[in-house]
């Protein structure tokens, strides 16, 4: 009986040792998994922090930008609207002011060339911003919301006011 009891004790010890080893291996793999996840995500976190640290400002927009415009605009005092497409050359001064010359073609109003405008803009640290455009002959300013991307090489913009306008624009810096 002594022999049988030694064998049972021995198999119980082997089973306990296997469980302990399995628990250690699982714990080791979990630690390695966490470390790998942190290592892979650290460069992304540093890159995002670097962009936030650098940020944007009015100085991000300087020089000439070509703009492609499309959407729906007011077309008269009775609330009528029309489809419009156009191009604009806008010059940002880097200090919150801009001037522009646009050419557009409206579904009802036809082609208008060489329309001049001017305005102000504000670029926030997170590279979002707003602008207000004044055009001669328009009874109200156009207010937009924008996002500056690619270190100021491109601006994506949408008209927020006047209410019936649904216009978007993509601006690309013109190389000199």
Foldseek 3Di string as FASTA:
>chain_A
DVVVVVVVVVVVVVVVVVVVVVVVVVVVVVVVVVVVVCVVCVVVVVVVVVLLVVFDWLLLAAAKKKKWKWWKDADDDVRDIWTKIWIKIKGRHSPFKIKIFMWMATPPPGIDGGWIKMWGKTADRNQKIKIWIDTPPDPGIWIKIWGADDSSQKIWIFTPDDPVITMIMIIGHDDD
